[in-house]
C-alpha atoms as a PDB file:
ATOM      1  CA  MET A   1     -23.124 -22.473  18.880  1.00  0.00           C
ATOM      2  CA  LYS A   2     -19.622 -21.827  17.643  1.00  0.00           C
ATOM      3  CA  LYS A   3     -17.996 -24.187  19.269  1.00  0.00           C
ATOM      4  CA  TYR A   4     -20.097 -26.913  18.264  1.00  0.00           C
ATOM      5  CA  LEU A   5     -19.677 -25.937  14.457  1.00  0.00           C
ATOM      6  CA  ILE A   6     -15.941 -26.014  14.365  1.00  0.00           C
ATOM      7  CA  LEU A   7     -16.016 -29.296  16.057  1.00  0.00           C
ATOM      8  CA  SER A   8     -18.099 -30.851  13.158  1.00  0.00           C
ATOM      9  CA  LEU A   9     -16.187 -29.233  10.418  1.00  0.00           C
ATOM     10  CA  MET A  10     -13.245 -30.667  12.191  1.00  0.00           C
ATOM     11  CA  ILE A  11     -15.030 -34.359  12.493  1.00  0.00           C
ATOM     12  CA  LEU A  12     -15.803 -33.825   8.252  1.00  0.00           C
ATOM     13  CA  THR A  13     -12.471 -33.034   7.172  1.00  0.00           C
ATOM     14  CA  ILE A  14     -11.453 -35.833   9.400  1.00  0.00           C
ATOM     15  CA  CYS A  15     -13.162 -38.259   7.323  1.00  0.00           C
ATOM     16  CA  PHE A  16     -13.073 -36.638   4.140  1.00  0.00           C
ATOM     17  CA  THR A  17      -9.295 -37.248   4.651  1.00  0.00           C
ATOM     18  CA  GLY A  18      -9.258 -40.437   5.839  1.00  0.00           C
ATOM     19  CA  MET A  19     -11.823 -41.528   2.824  1.00  0.00           C
ATOM     20  CA  LYS A  20      -8.861 -40.068   0.480  1.00  0.00           C
ATOM     21  CA  SER A  21      -5.872 -41.831   2.200  1.00  0.00           C
ATOM     22  CA  TYR A  22      -8.201 -45.734   1.168  1.00  0.00           C
ATOM     23  CA  ALA A  23      -9.373 -44.496  -2.268  1.00  0.00           C
ATOM     24  CA  VAL A  24      -7.989 -46.832  -5.136  1.00  0.00           C
ATOM     25  CA  GLU A  25      -6.607 -45.356  -7.944  1.00  0.00           C
ATOM     26  CA  GLN A  26      -8.284 -46.583 -11.264  1.00  0.00           C
ATOM     27  CA  GLY A  27      -7.390 -48.831 -13.250  1.00  0.00           C
ATOM     28  CA  TYR A  28      -5.523 -47.741 -17.053  1.00  0.00           C
ATOM     29  CA  ILE A  29      -3.841 -49.652 -19.688  1.00  0.00           C
ATOM     30  CA  SER A  30      -1.089 -47.975 -22.271  1.00  0.00           C
ATOM     31  CA  VAL A  31      -1.305 -48.263 -26.101  1.00  0.00           C
ATOM     32  CA  SER A  32       0.928 -47.457 -28.737  1.00  0.00           C
ATOM     33  CA  ALA A  33      -0.063 -47.004 -32.326  1.00  0.00           C
ATOM     34  CA  THR A  34       1.856 -45.986 -35.288  1.00  0.00           C
ATOM     35  CA  SER A  35       0.940 -45.439 -39.111  1.00  0.00           C
ATOM     36  CA  GLN A  36       2.502 -43.918 -42.140  1.00  0.00           C
ATOM     37  CA  VAL A  37       1.842 -42.418 -45.315  1.00  0.00           C
ATOM     38  CA  GLU A  38       4.048 -41.998 -48.954  1.00  0.00           C
ATOM     39  CA  LEU A  39       3.583 -37.791 -49.905  1.00  0.00           C
ATOM     40  CA  VAL A  40       4.577 -36.323 -53.236  1.00  0.00           C
ATOM     41  CA  PRO A  41       6.787 -32.939 -51.960  1.00  0.00           C
ATOM     42  CA  ASP A  42       5.784 -29.906 -53.972  1.00  0.00           C
ATOM     43  CA  THR A  43       8.165 -27.545 -52.814  1.00  0.00           C
ATOM     44  CA  VAL A  44      12.005 -27.500 -53.364  1.00  0.00           C
ATOM     45  CA  ASP A  45      14.398 -25.690 -51.997  1.00  0.00           C
ATOM     46  CA  PHE A  46      18.567 -25.231 -52.706  1.00  0.00           C
ATOM     47  CA  SER A  47      21.325 -22.374 -52.789  1.00  0.00           C
ATOM     48  CA  VAL A  48      23.092 -21.322 -55.180  1.00  0.00           C
ATOM     49  CA  GLU A  49      26.695 -20.234 -54.065  1.00  0.00           C
ATOM     50  CA  VAL A  50      28.366 -17.318 -56.665  1.00  0.00           C
ATOM     51  CA  VAL A  51      32.559 -17.086 -56.021  1.00  0.00           C
ATOM     52  CA  ALA A  52      34.603 -14.605 -57.833  1.00  0.00           C
ATOM     53  CA  THR A  53      38.220 -14.077 -57.080  1.00  0.00           C
ATOM     54  CA  SER A  54      41.077 -11.797 -57.993  1.00  0.00           C
ATOM     55  CA  LYS A  55      44.756 -11.242 -57.445  1.00  0.00           C
ATOM     56  CA  ASP A  56      43.955  -7.628 -57.680  1.00  0.00           C
ATOM     57  CA  SER A  57      41.748  -6.064 -55.779  1.00  0.00           C
ATOM     58  CA  MET A  58      38.726  -6.485 -53.698  1.00  0.00           C
ATOM     59  CA  ALA A  59      37.025  -3.929 -55.681  1.00  0.00           C
ATOM     60  CA  LYS A  60      37.572  -6.308 -59.078  1.00  0.00           C
ATOM     61  CA  ALA A  61      36.295  -9.771 -57.299  1.00  0.00           C
ATOM     62  CA  ILE A  62      33.529  -7.682 -55.957  1.00  0.00           C
ATOM     63  CA  GLU A  63      32.566  -6.592 -59.397  1.00  0.00           C
ATOM     64  CA  GLU A  64      32.994  -9.620 -61.064  1.00  0.00           C
ATOM     65  CA  ASN A  65      30.960 -11.388 -58.320  1.00  0.00           C
ATOM     66  CA  LYS A  66      28.092  -8.622 -59.122  1.00  0.00           C
ATOM     67  CA  LYS A  67      28.326  -9.421 -62.595  1.00  0.00           C
ATOM     68  CA  ILE A  68      27.412 -13.310 -62.373  1.00  0.00           C
ATOM     69  CA  SER A  69      25.218 -12.962 -59.690  1.00  0.00           C
ATOM     70  CA  GLY A  70      22.572 -10.256 -61.588  1.00  0.00           C
ATOM     71  CA  LYS A  71      22.997 -12.847 -64.482  1.00  0.00           C
ATOM     72  CA  VAL A  72      21.925 -16.116 -62.190  1.00  0.00           C
ATOM     73  CA  TYR A  73      18.876 -13.789 -60.729  1.00  0.00           C
ATOM     74  CA  GLU A  74      17.688 -12.505 -63.539  1.00  0.00           C
ATOM     75  CA  ASP A  75      17.630 -16.398 -65.341  1.00  0.00           C
ATOM     76  CA  LEU A  76      16.577 -17.720 -61.735  1.00  0.00           C
ATOM     77  CA  LYS A  77      13.525 -15.365 -61.360  1.00  0.00           C
ATOM     78  CA  LYS A  78      12.129 -16.517 -65.295  1.00  0.00           C
ATOM     79  CA  ALA A  79      11.643 -19.981 -63.532  1.00  0.00           C
ATOM     80  CA  ILE A  80      10.111 -19.146 -60.598  1.00  0.00           C
ATOM     81  CA  ASN A  81       6.319 -17.912 -60.227  1.00  0.00           C
ATOM     82  CA  THR A  82       6.220 -15.461 -56.941  1.00  0.00           C
ATOM     83  CA  ALA A  83       2.670 -15.290 -56.735  1.00  0.00           C
ATOM     84  CA  ASN A  84       2.582 -19.008 -55.902  1.00  0.00           C
ATOM     85  CA  GLY A  85       4.820 -18.374 -53.134  1.00  0.00           C
ATOM     86  CA  ASP A  86       8.641 -18.993 -54.898  1.00  0.00           C
ATOM     87  CA  SER A  87      11.277 -16.658 -53.587  1.00  0.00           C
ATOM     88  CA  ILE A  88      14.328 -16.129 -54.161  1.00  0.00           C
ATOM     89  CA  LYS A  89      17.051 -13.994 -51.810  1.00  0.00           C
ATOM     90  CA  THR A  90      20.545 -14.052 -50.916  1.00  0.00           C
ATOM     91  CA  SER A  91      21.099 -15.891 -47.754  1.00  0.00           C
ATOM     92  CA  SER A  92      24.877 -14.883 -47.364  1.00  0.00           C
ATOM     93  CA  TYR A  93      27.670 -12.817 -48.685  1.00  0.00           C
ATOM     94  CA  SER A  94      31.183 -12.268 -47.351  1.00  0.00           C
ATOM     95  CA  ALA A  95      34.040 -10.533 -49.019  1.00  0.00           C
ATOM     96  CA  ASN A  96      37.384 -11.698 -47.548  1.00  0.00           C
ATOM     97  CA  PRO A  97      41.523 -11.240 -48.762  1.00  0.00           C
ATOM     98  CA  VAL A  98      42.719 -15.185 -48.795  1.00  0.00           C
ATOM     99  CA  TYR A  99      46.239 -15.235 -47.356  1.00  0.00           C
ATOM    100  CA  ARG A 100      49.356 -17.875 -47.959  1.00  0.00           C
ATOM    101  CA  TYR A 101      51.447 -18.732 -45.232  1.00  0.00           C
ATOM    102  CA  ASN A 102      54.960 -19.382 -46.428  1.00  0.00           C
ATOM    103  CA  ASN A 103      58.406 -20.123 -43.614  1.00  0.00           C
ATOM    104  CA  ASN A 104      55.955 -18.681 -40.779  1.00  0.00           C
ATOM    105  CA  LYS A 105      55.003 -15.315 -42.923  1.00  0.00           C
ATOM    106  CA  ARG A 106      51.737 -14.951 -44.080  1.00  0.00           C
ATOM    107  CA  TYR A 107      51.296 -13.269 -47.997  1.00  0.00           C
ATOM    108  CA  LEU A 108      48.596 -11.497 -49.588  1.00  0.00           C
ATOM    109  CA  ASP A 109      47.350 -14.722 -51.962  1.00  0.00           C
ATOM    110  CA  TYR A 110      43.858 -13.148 -53.743  1.00  0.00           C
ATOM    111  CA  TYR A 111      39.992 -11.766 -52.797  1.00  0.00           C
ATOM    112  CA  GLU A 112      37.921 -13.824 -52.688  1.00  0.00           C
ATOM    113  CA  VAL A 113      33.846 -12.464 -52.786  1.00  0.00           C
ATOM    114  CA  ARG A 114      31.106 -15.150 -52.356  1.00  0.00           C
ATOM    115  CA  ASN A 115      26.910 -14.701 -52.732  1.00  0.00           C
ATOM    116  CA  ASP A 116      24.714 -17.456 -51.287  1.00  0.00           C
ATOM    117  CA  VAL A 117      21.541 -17.204 -52.897  1.00  0.00           C
ATOM    118  CA  LYS A 118      18.907 -19.107 -51.723  1.00  0.00           C
ATOM    119  CA  VAL A 119      16.422 -20.391 -54.139  1.00  0.00           C
ATOM    120  CA  HIS A 120      12.564 -22.008 -52.952  1.00  0.00           C
ATOM    121  CA  THR A 121      10.251 -22.793 -55.265  1.00  0.00           C
ATOM    122  CA  LYS A 122       7.079 -25.433 -56.101  1.00  0.00           C
ATOM    123  CA  ASN A 123       8.231 -25.848 -59.529  1.00  0.00           C
ATOM    124  CA  ILE A 124       9.644 -28.749 -58.996  1.00  0.00           C
ATOM    125  CA  ALA A 125       9.681 -30.240 -61.863  1.00  0.00           C
ATOM    126  CA  ASN A 126      12.100 -27.552 -63.589  1.00  0.00           C
ATOM    127  CA  VAL A 127      14.552 -27.889 -60.725  1.00  0.00           C
ATOM    128  CA  GLY A 128      17.417 -29.431 -63.015  1.00  0.00           C
ATOM    129  CA  LYS A 129      16.974 -26.983 -65.460  1.00  0.00           C
ATOM    130  CA  MET A 130      17.248 -24.209 -62.857  1.00  0.00           C
ATOM    131  CA  ILE A 131      20.406 -25.748 -61.810  1.00  0.00           C
ATOM    132  CA  ASP A 132      21.892 -26.053 -65.046  1.00  0.00           C
ATOM    133  CA  THR A 133      21.052 -22.333 -65.593  1.00  0.00           C
ATOM    134  CA  ALA A 134      22.928 -21.453 -62.942  1.00  0.00           C
ATOM    135  CA  THR A 135      25.680 -23.604 -63.476  1.00  0.00           C
ATOM    136  CA  SER A 136      26.087 -21.800 -67.342  1.00  0.00           C
ATOM    137  CA  ASP A 137      25.432 -18.585 -66.235  1.00  0.00           C
ATOM    138  CA  GLY A 138      28.682 -18.938 -63.575  1.00  0.00           C
ATOM    139  CA  ALA A 139      27.387 -20.405 -60.286  1.00  0.00           C
ATOM    140  CA  THR A 140      29.865 -22.209 -58.670  1.00  0.00           C
ATOM    141  CA  SER A 141      27.916 -24.758 -57.295  1.00  0.00           C
ATOM    142  CA  VAL A 142      24.748 -25.783 -56.276  1.00  0.00           C
ATOM    143  CA  ASN A 143      24.226 -26.727 -52.184  1.00  0.00           C
ATOM    144  CA  ASN A 144      21.488 -27.970 -49.383  1.00  0.00           C
ATOM    145  CA  ILE A 145      19.136 -29.458 -52.272  1.00  0.00           C
ATOM    146  CA  SER A 146      16.095 -30.343 -49.873  1.00  0.00           C
ATOM    147  CA  TYR A 147      12.433 -31.375 -50.223  1.00  0.00           C
ATOM    148  CA  SER A 148       9.347 -30.201 -48.486  1.00  0.00           C
ATOM    149  CA  VAL A 149       5.633 -31.084 -48.611  1.00  0.00           C
ATOM    150  CA  SER A 150       3.591 -27.190 -48.360  1.00  0.00           C
ATOM    151  CA  LYS A 151       0.477 -28.459 -46.286  1.00  0.00           C
ATOM    152  CA  TYR A 152       2.322 -30.728 -43.695  1.00  0.00           C
ATOM    153  CA  ASP A 153       0.546 -29.354 -40.682  1.00  0.00           C
ATOM    154  CA  ASN A 154      -3.130 -30.779 -42.768  1.00  0.00           C
ATOM    155  CA  GLU A 155      -1.250 -34.015 -43.701  1.00  0.00           C
ATOM    156  CA  CYS A 156       0.042 -34.488 -40.281  1.00  0.00           C
ATOM    157  CA  ASN A 157      -3.036 -33.869 -38.425  1.00  0.00           C
ATOM    158  CA  LYS A 158      -4.981 -36.419 -40.550  1.00  0.00           C
ATOM    159  CA  LEU A 159      -2.767 -39.278 -39.808  1.00  0.00           C
ATOM    160  CA  LEU A 160      -2.768 -38.348 -36.522  1.00  0.00           C
ATOM    161  CA  ALA A 161      -6.550 -38.981 -36.316  1.00  0.00           C
ATOM    162  CA  GLU A 162      -5.947 -42.393 -38.454  1.00  0.00           C
ATOM    163  CA  THR A 163      -3.621 -43.589 -35.514  1.00  0.00           C
ATOM    164  CA  ALA A 164      -5.767 -41.985 -32.896  1.00  0.00           C
ATOM    165  CA  LYS A 165      -8.783 -44.279 -33.704  1.00  0.00           C
ATOM    166  CA  LYS A 166      -6.096 -47.496 -34.467  1.00  0.00           C
ATOM    167  CA  ALA A 167      -5.321 -46.871 -30.665  1.00  0.00           C
ATOM    168  CA  ARG A 168      -8.526 -46.791 -29.347  1.00  0.00           C
ATOM    169  CA  VAL A 169      -9.416 -50.304 -31.302  1.00  0.00           C
ATOM    170  CA  GLN A 170      -6.208 -51.716 -29.889  1.00  0.00           C
ATOM    171  CA  GLY A 171      -7.266 -50.388 -26.548  1.00  0.00           C
ATOM    172  CA  ASP A 172     -11.156 -51.866 -26.606  1.00  0.00           C
ATOM    173  CA  PHE A 173      -9.743 -55.415 -27.846  1.00  0.00           C
ATOM    174  CA  MET A 174      -6.941 -55.118 -24.716  1.00  0.00           C
ATOM    175  CA  ALA A 175      -9.529 -54.021 -22.481  1.00  0.00           C
ATOM    176  CA  LYS A 176     -11.934 -56.791 -23.607  1.00  0.00           C
ATOM    177  CA  ALA A 177      -9.664 -59.824 -23.240  1.00  0.00           C
ATOM    178  CA  LEU A 178      -8.824 -58.369 -20.019  1.00  0.00           C
ATOM    179  CA  GLY A 179     -12.713 -58.773 -18.858  1.00  0.00           C
ATOM    180  CA  THR A 180     -13.079 -55.029 -18.766  1.00  0.00           C
ATOM    181  CA  GLU A 181     -13.857 -51.615 -20.709  1.00  0.00           C
ATOM    182  CA  ILE A 182     -12.751 -48.964 -20.966  1.00  0.00           C
ATOM    183  CA  THR A 183     -14.153 -45.080 -19.822  1.00  0.00           C
ATOM    184  CA  GLY A 184     -11.776 -42.589 -20.343  1.00  0.00           C
ATOM    185  CA  ILE A 185      -8.760 -41.148 -21.452  1.00  0.00           C
ATOM    186  CA  LYS A 186      -5.820 -40.612 -18.853  1.00  0.00           C
ATOM    187  CA  SER A 187      -3.571 -39.059 -21.156  1.00  0.00           C
ATOM    188  CA  VAL A 188      -2.784 -38.742 -24.600  1.00  0.00           C
ATOM    189  CA  ASP A 189       0.462 -37.472 -26.403  1.00  0.00           C
ATOM    190  CA  GLY A 190       1.291 -38.060 -30.610  1.00  0.00           C
ATOM    191  CA  SER A 191       3.763 -36.484 -32.905  1.00  0.00           C
ATOM    192  CA  CYS A 192       4.603 -36.679 -36.614  1.00  0.00           C
ATOM    193  CA  SER A 193       7.875 -36.876 -38.771  1.00  0.00           C
ATOM    194  CA  PHE A 194       9.341 -37.925 -41.989  1.00  0.00           C
ATOM    195  CA  SER A 195      11.880 -40.765 -42.760  1.00  0.00           C
ATOM    196  CA  GLY A 196      14.031 -42.032 -45.365  1.00  0.00           C
ATOM    197  CA  ARG A 197      16.194 -38.990 -47.737  1.00  0.00           C
ATOM    198  CA  THR A 198      14.712 -35.607 -47.767  1.00  0.00           C
ATOM    199  CA  SER A 199      18.172 -33.919 -49.338  1.00  0.00           C
ATOM    200  CA  LEU A 200      20.787 -34.833 -51.969  1.00  0.00           C
ATOM    201  CA  PRO A 201      24.218 -34.249 -51.313  1.00  0.00           C
ATOM    202  CA  ARG A 202      25.758 -31.777 -53.003  1.00  0.00           C
ATOM    203  CA  MET A 203      28.211 -33.351 -55.323  1.00  0.00           C
ATOM    204  CA  MET A 204      25.709 -34.829 -56.967  1.00  0.00           C
ATOM    205  CA  LEU A 205      24.650 -31.253 -58.512  1.00  0.00           C
ATOM    206  CA  MET A 206      28.227 -29.942 -59.048  1.00  0.00           C
ATOM    207  CA  SER A 207      29.238 -32.366 -61.974  1.00  0.00           C
ATOM    208  CA  LYS A 208      28.971 -28.805 -64.239  1.00  0.00           C
ATOM    209  CA  ALA A 209      30.111 -26.403 -61.647  1.00  0.00           C
ATOM    210  CA  ALA A 210      33.122 -28.197 -61.196  1.00  0.00           C
ATOM    211  CA  GLY A 211      34.121 -28.014 -65.031  1.00  0.00           C
ATOM    212  CA  ILE A 212      33.382 -32.090 -65.849  1.00  0.00           C
ATOM    213  CA  ALA A 213      30.722 -32.245 -67.695  1.00  0.00           C
ATOM    214  CA  ASN A 214      30.622 -33.565 -71.696  1.00  0.00           C
ATOM    215  CA  ASP A 215      29.458 -32.922 -74.723  1.00  0.00           C
ATOM    216  CA  ALA A 216      27.068 -35.867 -73.749  1.00  0.00           C
ATOM    217  CA  MET A 217      25.962 -34.478 -70.302  1.00  0.00           C
ATOM    218  CA  ALA A 218      25.636 -30.879 -71.912  1.00  0.00           C
ATOM    219  CA  GLU A 219      22.573 -31.891 -74.421  1.00  0.00           C
ATOM    220  CA  THR A 220      20.949 -32.990 -71.043  1.00  0.00           C
ATOM    221  CA  SER A 221      19.542 -30.906 -68.376  1.00  0.00           C
ATOM    222  CA  THR A 222      20.389 -32.229 -65.099  1.00  0.00           C
ATOM    223  CA  ASN A 223      18.364 -34.903 -63.797  1.00  0.00           C
ATOM    224  CA  ILE A 224      16.602 -34.685 -60.490  1.00  0.00           C
ATOM    225  CA  GLU A 225      14.789 -37.702 -58.787  1.00  0.00           C
ATOM    226  CA  VAL A 226      12.376 -36.653 -56.474  1.00  0.00           C
ATOM    227  CA  GLY A 227      10.726 -39.671 -55.395  1.00  0.00           C
ATOM    228  CA  THR A 228       8.257 -39.383 -52.200  1.00  0.00           C
ATOM    229  CA  MET A 229       8.766 -39.012 -48.433  1.00  0.00           C
ATOM    230  CA  THR A 230       7.162 -41.392 -45.333  1.00  0.00           C
ATOM    231  CA  LEU A 231       5.049 -39.375 -43.232  1.00  0.00           C
ATOM    232  CA  ASN A 232       5.543 -41.556 -39.702  1.00  0.00           C
ATOM    233  CA  SER A 233       2.982 -40.611 -37.163  1.00  0.00           C
ATOM    234  CA  ARG A 234       2.908 -41.981 -32.976  1.00  0.00           C
ATOM    235  CA  VAL A 235       0.254 -41.661 -30.606  1.00  0.00           C
ATOM    236  CA  ASN A 236       0.746 -42.897 -27.136  1.00  0.00           C
ATOM    237  CA  VAL A 237      -2.628 -43.400 -25.282  1.00  0.00           C
ATOM    238  CA  PHE A 238      -3.488 -44.177 -21.483  1.00  0.00           C
ATOM    239  CA  PHE A 239      -7.247 -45.484 -21.578  1.00  0.00           C
ATOM    240  CA  TYR A 240      -8.771 -45.758 -17.807  1.00  0.00           C
ATOM    241  CA  LEU A 241     -10.284 -49.207 -17.525  1.00  0.00           C
ATOM    242  CA  LYS A 242     -13.957 -49.985 -15.570  1.00  0.00           C
END
């Protein structure tokens, strides 16, 4: 009885293996769809740099930087709303002696202290005034200004859903043209990305800090045009066919 059972199992296994070897892979089509939407940024990040130097000592450079940075911190805090997620923090700080070289000899030139203050705020309308305030307080430059959308994930998911529907419609038309129809999904992937400029170069924001502002400029705040950002989505789908 045992031998008959083993023999039956072997025959069943051989039959199943043979069936698999003759199985034909189900047909499928590939569809790629894209969508885009214009979004208005609601968040801005930028860095304010305070640089102080002294020929006499590091202590004087540190004290000068502390005085200017304290004023910058104080005034910028008045322009943000921490309850809305705004923040101000030091992103980097350094204090170093700076040397010059003459006839292959190194000489101490001066002491330099740098404090880089990062600002994160949704108060986009007042960014120009905030920049003017910081530079008027003694900030040396404003760098890395960039815009973003706080609800990026939600906007991306909405756009991906729209793009996926578009891919399905395209797939149905293709399948119909081929005399068949979609029966399922083999695989799908999607992604979102921004295109266009989302940041402003440093030099556009340094006119006052560089000391080249004229009287007319001094009477108006720095003009920062926010504009819109283009969010793009792409969905790639492999549909099984009947």
